[in-house]
Amino acid sequence: MNNDFYNSKFTISGDIDDIDIPFNFDIYSGSNSSIYMQIKEYEFNNDEFYDGHLIVRDKSKLKDIDLDNLNKYKLTPNNVYFYKVEHSGFDWDCKVDDSVILCSSWVVPFVLNEHKIDNSLYGEMATHRVEIKEFNQ
């Protein structure tokens, strides 16, 4: 059994060509389902969890996020950070900009498998009572 539950590393996946990636990141590529399986296989085989998972869908928006200081975003088993969030009084009006997503290993299955459901990503997070936060706020 490992003495440390978290391994002080992050994963990064998605649109990451030509990005300077810090040393404490492991890179994953492939479909969302295969990335999820690779991450979970690593965590299971090494008896440790990553500190967080950065999913980049639009690398132009990544310039606003300091990759060297991702620990300033206090990830919990029950929150997720999106590039932008629009809360509204009406469920059909609520949206997230998923250009860049940061989440914990507890939330990553909901994010990487959201293509399998009819609900929006905002709706999927609300369904699982995941606190939706915005970067840089």
Protein backbone atom coordinates (compact mmCIF):
# COMPACT_ATOMS: atom_id res chain seq x y z
CA MET A 1 0.00 0.00 0.00
CA ASN A 2 1.24 3.45 -0.90
CA ASN A 3 1.79 5.96 1.92
CA ASP A 4 0.63 8.95 -0.15
CA PHE A 5 -2.83 8.89 -1.66
CA TYR A 6 -2.07 11.72 -4.13
CA ASN A 7 1.07 11.65 -6.27
CA SER A 8 1.68 15.43 -6.71
CA LYS A 9 1.18 15.12 -10.47
CA PHE A 10 -1.46 16.20 -12.96
CA THR A 11 -2.58 14.73 -16.24
CA ILE A 12 -3.02 16.76 -19.41
CA SER A 13 -4.88 15.67 -22.51
CA GLY A 14 -6.50 17.12 -25.60
CA ASP A 15 -5.30 19.95 -27.83
CA ILE A 16 -1.77 20.26 -26.42
CA ASP A 17 0.54 20.37 -29.45
CA ASP A 18 3.32 22.99 -29.10
CA ILE A 19 2.58 23.67 -25.42
CA ASP A 20 5.34 23.93 -22.83
CA ILE A 21 4.17 21.36 -20.28
CA PRO A 22 5.63 21.41 -16.73
CA PHE A 23 7.52 18.37 -15.42
CA ASN A 24 4.76 17.30 -13.01
CA PHE A 25 2.32 16.45 -15.82
CA ASP A 26 1.70 13.08 -17.43
CA ILE A 27 0.42 13.34 -21.02
CA TYR A 28 -2.48 11.19 -22.24
CA SER A 29 -3.84 11.03 -25.76
CA GLY A 30 -6.61 9.21 -27.58
CA SER A 31 -10.37 9.22 -27.34
CA ASN A 32 -12.03 10.38 -24.12
CA SER A 33 -12.88 6.77 -23.22
CA SER A 34 -9.33 5.51 -23.79
CA ILE A 35 -7.82 8.43 -21.85
CA TYR A 36 -10.13 7.66 -18.94
CA MET A 37 -9.16 3.98 -19.00
CA GLN A 38 -5.42 4.78 -19.21
CA ILE A 39 -5.66 7.16 -16.23
CA LYS A 40 -7.63 4.71 -14.11
CA GLU A 41 -5.28 1.86 -15.02
CA TYR A 42 -2.28 3.96 -13.93
CA GLU A 43 -3.96 4.96 -10.65
CA PHE A 44 -4.99 1.39 -9.91
CA ASN A 45 -1.61 -0.16 -10.76
CA ASN A 46 0.34 2.45 -8.79
CA ASP A 47 -2.04 2.71 -5.83
CA GLU A 48 -2.20 6.51 -6.06
CA PHE A 49 -4.40 9.27 -7.45
CA TYR A 50 -3.37 12.23 -9.57
CA ASP A 51 -3.80 15.65 -7.98
CA GLY A 52 -5.94 16.67 -10.94
CA HIS A 53 -6.73 16.31 -14.62
CA LEU A 54 -6.44 19.13 -17.15
CA ILE A 55 -8.46 18.59 -20.31
CA VAL A 56 -7.62 21.07 -23.07
CA ARG A 57 -10.08 21.40 -25.93
CA ASP A 58 -8.88 24.82 -27.14
CA LYS A 59 -5.21 25.55 -26.43
CA SER A 60 -5.63 29.26 -27.28
CA LYS A 61 -7.53 29.63 -23.98
CA LEU A 62 -4.77 27.93 -22.02
CA LYS A 63 -2.69 31.14 -22.00
CA ASP A 64 -4.95 32.46 -19.21
CA ILE A 65 -4.09 29.57 -16.89
CA ASP A 66 -0.79 29.18 -15.02
CA LEU A 67 0.13 25.52 -15.43
CA ASP A 68 2.91 25.82 -12.84
CA ASN A 69 0.43 26.80 -10.13
CA LEU A 70 -2.60 24.57 -10.67
CA ASN A 71 -2.55 23.71 -6.97
CA LYS A 72 -4.04 27.15 -6.26
CA TYR A 73 -7.32 25.71 -7.55
CA LYS A 74 -8.51 23.74 -4.58
CA LEU A 75 -9.77 20.54 -6.15
CA THR A 76 -12.04 18.36 -4.07
CA PRO A 77 -13.84 15.13 -4.87
CA ASN A 78 -16.86 17.30 -5.62
CA ASN A 79 -15.83 20.28 -7.79
CA VAL A 80 -14.71 21.10 -11.32
CA TYR A 81 -13.24 24.20 -12.96
CA PHE A 82 -14.29 25.34 -16.44
CA TYR A 83 -12.91 28.15 -18.57
CA LYS A 84 -16.22 30.04 -18.30
CA VAL A 85 -19.53 29.29 -16.58
CA GLU A 86 -22.95 30.82 -17.21
CA HIS A 87 -25.44 30.21 -14.41
CA SER A 88 -29.06 31.12 -15.07
CA GLY A 89 -32.38 30.70 -13.36
CA PHE A 90 -33.42 28.43 -16.22
CA ASP A 91 -31.76 25.06 -16.70
CA TRP A 92 -31.76 25.34 -20.51
CA ASP A 93 -29.79 28.59 -20.23
CA CYS A 94 -26.96 27.27 -18.03
CA LYS A 95 -23.71 26.61 -19.90
CA VAL A 96 -20.05 25.83 -19.41
CA ASP A 97 -17.21 26.70 -21.76
CA ASP A 98 -15.28 23.45 -21.77
CA SER A 99 -12.26 24.85 -23.64
CA VAL A 100 -10.19 24.05 -20.54
CA ILE A 101 -11.36 21.80 -17.70
CA LEU A 102 -9.64 20.98 -14.41
CA CYS A 103 -11.08 18.26 -12.21
CA SER A 104 -10.16 15.60 -9.65
CA SER A 105 -10.00 11.87 -10.20
CA TRP A 106 -13.44 11.63 -8.61
CA VAL A 107 -15.03 13.88 -11.25
CA VAL A 108 -13.02 12.88 -14.34
CA PRO A 109 -15.36 9.96 -15.22
CA PHE A 110 -18.31 12.36 -15.53
CA VAL A 111 -16.29 14.74 -17.74
CA LEU A 112 -14.61 12.21 -20.02
CA ASN A 113 -17.72 10.07 -20.47
CA GLU A 114 -20.22 12.90 -20.98
CA HIS A 115 -20.43 12.07 -24.69
CA LYS A 116 -22.36 8.93 -23.74
CA ILE A 117 -25.37 10.82 -22.34
CA ASP A 118 -27.97 13.22 -23.68
CA ASN A 119 -27.51 15.75 -20.88
CA SER A 120 -25.31 18.84 -21.32
CA LEU A 121 -22.00 18.92 -19.49
CA TYR A 122 -23.44 21.54 -17.12
CA GLY A 123 -26.46 19.30 -16.54
CA GLU A 124 -24.27 16.26 -15.96
CA MET A 125 -22.28 18.10 -13.29
CA ALA A 126 -25.49 19.29 -11.63
CA THR A 127 -26.94 15.77 -11.75
CA HIS A 128 -23.97 14.46 -9.79
CA ARG A 129 -23.99 17.51 -7.47
CA VAL A 130 -20.54 18.58 -8.58
CA GLU A 131 -19.76 22.19 -7.70
CA ILE A 132 -19.14 24.09 -10.94
CA LYS A 133 -16.44 26.76 -10.72
CA GLU A 134 -14.76 29.11 -13.16
CA PHE A 135 -11.01 29.58 -13.61
CA ASN A 136 -9.59 32.90 -12.38
CA GLN A 137 -12.50 33.81 -10.15
